[in-house]
């Protein structure tokens, strides 16, 4: 199995890292202290299309492979662990289960 990232995956990772560095990381300390900041980080991710990455176009998504999505999750966890845990584990994994299994 080839574990090298494709050019598109590297570009996606770099673009998402830049997004996290600009929109999420500056609020990480206040997110740890206040739930309202966490909600705002989740809104920033939603506006940036983060939640669409594992859903097909018929649900207004832009389906990515799991490998590509995990690259984004890693960058989000690096920028703000609280936002990662809330948005990915709390929201995305639930939505994925509902999408797949009804």
N, C-alpha and C. Protein backbone atom coordinates (compact mmCIF):
# COMPACT_ATOMS: atom_id res chain seq x y z
N UNK A 1 0.84 -1.18 0.00
CA UNK A 1 0.00 0.00 0.00
C UNK A 1 0.89 1.24 0.00
N UNK A 2 0.50 2.21 -0.80
CA UNK A 2 1.25 3.45 -0.90
C UNK A 2 0.75 4.43 0.17
N UNK A 3 1.64 4.83 1.07
CA UNK A 3 1.27 5.74 2.15
C UNK A 3 1.64 7.19 1.86
N UNK A 4 2.16 7.45 0.68
CA UNK A 4 2.52 8.82 0.31
C UNK A 4 1.25 9.62 0.05
N UNK A 5 1.26 10.87 0.48
CA UNK A 5 0.12 11.74 0.21
C UNK A 5 0.17 12.21 -1.24
N UNK A 6 -0.99 12.30 -1.85
CA UNK A 6 -1.05 12.83 -3.21
C UNK A 6 -0.83 14.34 -3.17
N UNK A 7 -0.58 14.92 -4.31
CA UNK A 7 -0.39 16.37 -4.40
C UNK A 7 -1.63 17.09 -3.89
N UNK A 8 -2.82 16.58 -4.25
CA UNK A 8 -4.07 17.19 -3.82
C UNK A 8 -4.23 17.12 -2.30
N UNK A 9 -3.83 15.99 -1.71
CA UNK A 9 -3.93 15.85 -0.26
C UNK A 9 -2.98 16.82 0.46
N UNK A 10 -1.78 16.96 -0.06
CA UNK A 10 -0.83 17.90 0.53
C UNK A 10 -1.37 19.33 0.44
N UNK A 11 -1.92 19.68 -0.72
CA UNK A 11 -2.50 21.02 -0.88
C UNK A 11 -3.68 21.23 0.07
N UNK A 12 -4.54 20.22 0.19
CA UNK A 12 -5.68 20.30 1.11
C UNK A 12 -5.20 20.48 2.55
N UNK A 13 -4.22 19.67 2.94
CA UNK A 13 -3.69 19.74 4.31
C UNK A 13 -3.11 21.12 4.58
N UNK A 14 -2.33 21.64 3.66
CA UNK A 14 -1.72 22.96 3.84
C UNK A 14 -2.78 24.06 3.92
N UNK A 15 -3.78 23.96 3.07
CA UNK A 15 -4.86 24.96 3.07
C UNK A 15 -5.65 24.90 4.37
N UNK A 16 -5.94 23.69 4.85
CA UNK A 16 -6.69 23.57 6.10
C UNK A 16 -5.83 23.99 7.29
N UNK A 17 -4.54 23.71 7.26
CA UNK A 17 -3.64 24.16 8.32
C UNK A 17 -3.66 25.69 8.40
N UNK A 18 -3.60 26.33 7.26
CA UNK A 18 -3.64 27.79 7.22
C UNK A 18 -4.97 28.30 7.81
N UNK A 19 -6.07 27.66 7.44
CA UNK A 19 -7.38 28.02 8.00
C UNK A 19 -7.37 27.89 9.52
N UNK A 20 -6.89 26.76 10.02
CA UNK A 20 -6.85 26.53 11.47
C UNK A 20 -5.95 27.54 12.17
N UNK A 21 -4.81 27.83 11.57
CA UNK A 21 -3.89 28.80 12.17
C UNK A 21 -4.49 30.20 12.24
N UNK A 22 -5.31 30.55 11.25
CA UNK A 22 -5.90 31.89 11.21
C UNK A 22 -7.21 31.99 11.99
N UNK A 23 -8.04 30.97 11.92
CA UNK A 23 -9.40 31.07 12.45
C UNK A 23 -9.64 30.33 13.77
N UNK A 24 -8.85 29.30 14.06
CA UNK A 24 -9.11 28.46 15.23
C UNK A 24 -8.06 28.66 16.32
N UNK A 25 -6.80 28.51 15.98
CA UNK A 25 -5.72 28.58 16.97
C UNK A 25 -5.71 29.88 17.79
N UNK A 26 -5.97 31.04 17.19
CA UNK A 26 -5.96 32.27 18.00
C UNK A 26 -6.99 32.27 19.14
N UNK A 27 -7.98 31.42 19.04
CA UNK A 27 -9.05 31.37 20.05
C UNK A 27 -8.93 30.15 20.96
N UNK A 28 -7.86 29.38 20.84
CA UNK A 28 -7.73 28.13 21.59
C UNK A 28 -7.75 28.35 23.10
N UNK A 29 -7.04 29.33 23.59
CA UNK A 29 -6.99 29.56 25.04
C UNK A 29 -8.36 29.93 25.59
N UNK A 30 -9.07 30.81 24.91
CA UNK A 30 -10.40 31.19 25.40
C UNK A 30 -11.40 30.06 25.22
N UNK A 31 -11.17 29.19 24.24
CA UNK A 31 -12.05 28.04 24.03
C UNK A 31 -11.95 27.09 25.21
N UNK A 32 -10.75 26.94 25.75
CA UNK A 32 -10.55 26.09 26.92
C UNK A 32 -11.34 26.63 28.12
N UNK A 33 -11.53 27.95 28.16
CA UNK A 33 -12.16 28.58 29.32
C UNK A 33 -13.66 28.79 29.17
N UNK A 34 -14.16 28.90 27.96
CA UNK A 34 -15.57 29.26 27.78
C UNK A 34 -16.22 28.48 26.65
N UNK A 35 -17.36 27.88 26.94
CA UNK A 35 -18.06 27.09 25.94
C UNK A 35 -18.54 27.95 24.77
N UNK A 36 -18.81 29.22 25.00
CA UNK A 36 -19.27 30.08 23.91
C UNK A 36 -18.21 30.19 22.82
N UNK A 37 -16.95 30.18 23.19
CA UNK A 37 -15.87 30.22 22.21
C UNK A 37 -15.81 28.93 21.41
N UNK A 38 -16.11 27.83 22.07
CA UNK A 38 -16.15 26.54 21.38
C UNK A 38 -17.24 26.54 20.32
N UNK A 39 -18.40 27.05 20.66
CA UNK A 39 -19.48 27.12 19.68
C UNK A 39 -19.08 28.01 18.49
N UNK A 40 -18.39 29.09 18.78
CA UNK A 40 -17.97 29.98 17.69
C UNK A 40 -16.94 29.27 16.80
N UNK A 41 -16.02 28.50 17.38
CA UNK A 41 -15.07 27.74 16.57
C UNK A 41 -15.81 26.74 15.68
N UNK A 42 -16.83 26.09 16.21
CA UNK A 42 -17.62 25.15 15.40
C UNK A 42 -18.32 25.88 14.27
N UNK A 43 -18.79 27.08 14.53
CA UNK A 43 -19.41 27.88 13.46
C UNK A 43 -18.39 28.25 12.39
N UNK A 44 -17.19 28.61 12.82
CA UNK A 44 -16.13 28.93 11.85
C UNK A 44 -15.84 27.72 10.95
N UNK A 45 -15.78 26.56 11.56
CA UNK A 45 -15.53 25.34 10.78
C UNK A 45 -16.69 25.07 9.82
N UNK A 46 -17.90 25.28 10.28
CA UNK A 46 -19.07 25.06 9.41
C UNK A 46 -19.04 26.02 8.22
N UNK A 47 -18.75 27.29 8.49
CA UNK A 47 -18.68 28.27 7.40
C UNK A 47 -17.56 27.92 6.43
N UNK A 48 -16.50 27.30 6.93
CA UNK A 48 -15.38 26.90 6.07
C UNK A 48 -15.60 25.59 5.33
N UNK A 49 -16.75 24.93 5.56
CA UNK A 49 -17.07 23.70 4.85
C UNK A 49 -16.51 22.43 5.47
N UNK A 50 -15.94 22.52 6.66
CA UNK A 50 -15.31 21.37 7.31
C UNK A 50 -16.27 20.19 7.47
N UNK A 51 -17.50 20.46 7.85
CA UNK A 51 -18.44 19.38 8.14
C UNK A 51 -18.97 18.68 6.90
N UNK A 52 -18.68 19.20 5.74
CA UNK A 52 -19.16 18.60 4.49
C UNK A 52 -18.23 17.51 3.96
N UNK A 53 -17.08 17.36 4.53
CA UNK A 53 -16.03 16.55 3.91
C UNK A 53 -16.31 15.06 3.83
N UNK A 54 -17.22 14.54 4.63
CA UNK A 54 -17.48 13.10 4.59
C UNK A 54 -18.85 12.74 4.02
N UNK A 55 -19.48 13.71 3.36
CA UNK A 55 -20.82 13.47 2.84
C UNK A 55 -20.86 13.73 1.34
N UNK A 56 -21.65 12.94 0.61
CA UNK A 56 -21.73 13.12 -0.85
C UNK A 56 -22.48 14.39 -1.24
N UNK A 57 -22.36 14.74 -2.50
CA UNK A 57 -22.96 15.97 -3.02
C UNK A 57 -24.47 16.01 -2.85
N UNK A 58 -25.13 14.87 -2.90
CA UNK A 58 -26.60 14.87 -2.76
C UNK A 58 -27.04 15.38 -1.39
N UNK A 59 -26.12 15.42 -0.43
CA UNK A 59 -26.40 16.02 0.89
C UNK A 59 -25.63 17.33 1.06
N UNK A 60 -25.31 17.96 -0.05
CA UNK A 60 -24.56 19.22 -0.08
C UNK A 60 -23.16 19.09 0.51
N UNK A 61 -22.58 17.92 0.37
CA UNK A 61 -21.23 17.69 0.85
C UNK A 61 -20.21 17.76 -0.26
N UNK A 62 -18.98 17.57 0.08
CA UNK A 62 -17.91 17.41 -0.91
C UNK A 62 -17.03 16.28 -0.40
N UNK A 63 -17.48 15.08 -0.70
CA UNK A 63 -16.91 13.85 -0.17
C UNK A 63 -15.41 13.78 -0.36
N UNK A 64 -14.70 13.54 0.74
CA UNK A 64 -13.26 13.32 0.74
C UNK A 64 -13.02 11.88 1.21
N UNK A 65 -11.86 11.35 0.92
CA UNK A 65 -11.52 10.04 1.47
C UNK A 65 -11.30 10.18 2.97
N UNK A 66 -11.38 9.06 3.69
CA UNK A 66 -11.10 9.11 5.12
C UNK A 66 -9.68 9.61 5.38
N UNK A 67 -8.74 9.18 4.56
CA UNK A 67 -7.35 9.62 4.74
C UNK A 67 -7.25 11.14 4.64
N UNK A 68 -7.91 11.72 3.66
CA UNK A 68 -7.88 13.17 3.49
C UNK A 68 -8.58 13.87 4.65
N UNK A 69 -9.71 13.33 5.09
CA UNK A 69 -10.43 13.92 6.22
C UNK A 69 -9.60 13.87 7.49
N UNK A 70 -8.89 12.78 7.69
CA UNK A 70 -8.06 12.65 8.89
C UNK A 70 -6.93 13.66 8.88
N UNK A 71 -6.43 14.03 7.71
CA UNK A 71 -5.43 15.10 7.64
C UNK A 71 -6.00 16.38 8.23
N UNK A 72 -7.25 16.69 7.91
CA UNK A 72 -7.90 17.88 8.47
C UNK A 72 -8.09 17.72 9.97
N UNK A 73 -8.50 16.56 10.41
CA UNK A 73 -8.71 16.33 11.84
C UNK A 73 -7.41 16.54 12.61
N UNK A 74 -6.29 16.05 12.06
CA UNK A 74 -4.99 16.24 12.71
C UNK A 74 -4.66 17.72 12.85
N UNK A 75 -4.90 18.48 11.80
CA UNK A 75 -4.61 19.91 11.85
C UNK A 75 -5.50 20.62 12.85
N UNK A 76 -6.76 20.24 12.91
CA UNK A 76 -7.68 20.84 13.88
C UNK A 76 -7.24 20.50 15.31
N UNK A 77 -6.87 19.26 15.55
CA UNK A 77 -6.41 18.85 16.88
C UNK A 77 -5.15 19.60 17.28
N UNK A 78 -4.27 19.86 16.33
CA UNK A 78 -3.05 20.62 16.60
C UNK A 78 -3.40 22.06 16.99
N UNK A 79 -4.36 22.65 16.30
CA UNK A 79 -4.72 24.04 16.54
C UNK A 79 -5.50 24.23 17.84
N UNK A 80 -6.44 23.32 18.12
CA UNK A 80 -7.27 23.45 19.32
C UNK A 80 -7.87 22.09 19.68
N UNK A 81 -7.27 21.39 20.63
CA UNK A 81 -7.78 20.06 21.00
C UNK A 81 -9.25 20.05 21.42
N UNK A 82 -9.69 21.07 22.14
CA UNK A 82 -11.10 21.11 22.58
C UNK A 82 -12.06 21.18 21.40
N UNK A 83 -11.72 21.99 20.43
CA UNK A 83 -12.57 22.11 19.25
C UNK A 83 -12.57 20.80 18.48
N UNK A 84 -11.42 20.18 18.36
CA UNK A 84 -11.34 18.87 17.70
C UNK A 84 -12.26 17.87 18.38
N UNK A 85 -12.14 17.74 19.69
CA UNK A 85 -12.94 16.75 20.41
C UNK A 85 -14.43 17.03 20.27
N UNK A 86 -14.81 18.27 20.36
CA UNK A 86 -16.22 18.62 20.27
C UNK A 86 -16.76 18.45 18.85
N UNK A 87 -16.05 18.99 17.88
CA UNK A 87 -16.56 19.01 16.51
C UNK A 87 -16.42 17.67 15.80
N UNK A 88 -15.33 16.98 16.03
CA UNK A 88 -15.14 15.70 15.34
C UNK A 88 -15.80 14.57 16.10
N UNK A 89 -15.43 14.39 17.35
CA UNK A 89 -15.98 13.27 18.09
C UNK A 89 -17.44 13.49 18.46
N UNK A 90 -17.78 14.72 18.80
CA UNK A 90 -19.14 15.00 19.22
C UNK A 90 -20.13 15.16 18.09
N UNK A 91 -19.69 15.66 16.97
CA UNK A 91 -20.61 15.97 15.88
C UNK A 91 -20.40 15.09 14.65
N UNK A 92 -19.18 15.10 14.12
CA UNK A 92 -18.93 14.40 12.86
C UNK A 92 -19.16 12.90 12.97
N UNK A 93 -18.66 12.26 14.01
CA UNK A 93 -18.82 10.81 14.09
C UNK A 93 -20.28 10.42 14.26
N UNK A 94 -21.04 11.24 14.97
CA UNK A 94 -22.48 10.99 15.10
C UNK A 94 -23.16 11.15 13.74
N UNK A 95 -22.85 12.21 13.04
CA UNK A 95 -23.45 12.46 11.72
C UNK A 95 -23.08 11.36 10.73
N UNK A 96 -21.85 10.90 10.77
CA UNK A 96 -21.42 9.82 9.88
C UNK A 96 -22.23 8.56 10.15
N UNK A 97 -22.43 8.23 11.43
CA UNK A 97 -23.21 7.04 11.78
C UNK A 97 -24.65 7.15 11.30
N UNK A 98 -25.26 8.32 11.49
CA UNK A 98 -26.63 8.52 11.02
C UNK A 98 -26.70 8.41 9.50
N UNK A 99 -25.74 9.00 8.81
CA UNK A 99 -25.71 8.94 7.35
C UNK A 99 -25.58 7.50 6.86
N UNK A 100 -24.71 6.74 7.48
CA UNK A 100 -24.46 5.37 7.02
C UNK A 100 -25.54 4.38 7.42
N UNK A 101 -26.03 4.50 8.65
CA UNK A 101 -26.90 3.45 9.19
C UNK A 101 -28.33 3.90 9.45
N UNK A 102 -28.62 5.17 9.18
CA UNK A 102 -29.99 5.66 9.32
C UNK A 102 -30.36 6.09 10.72
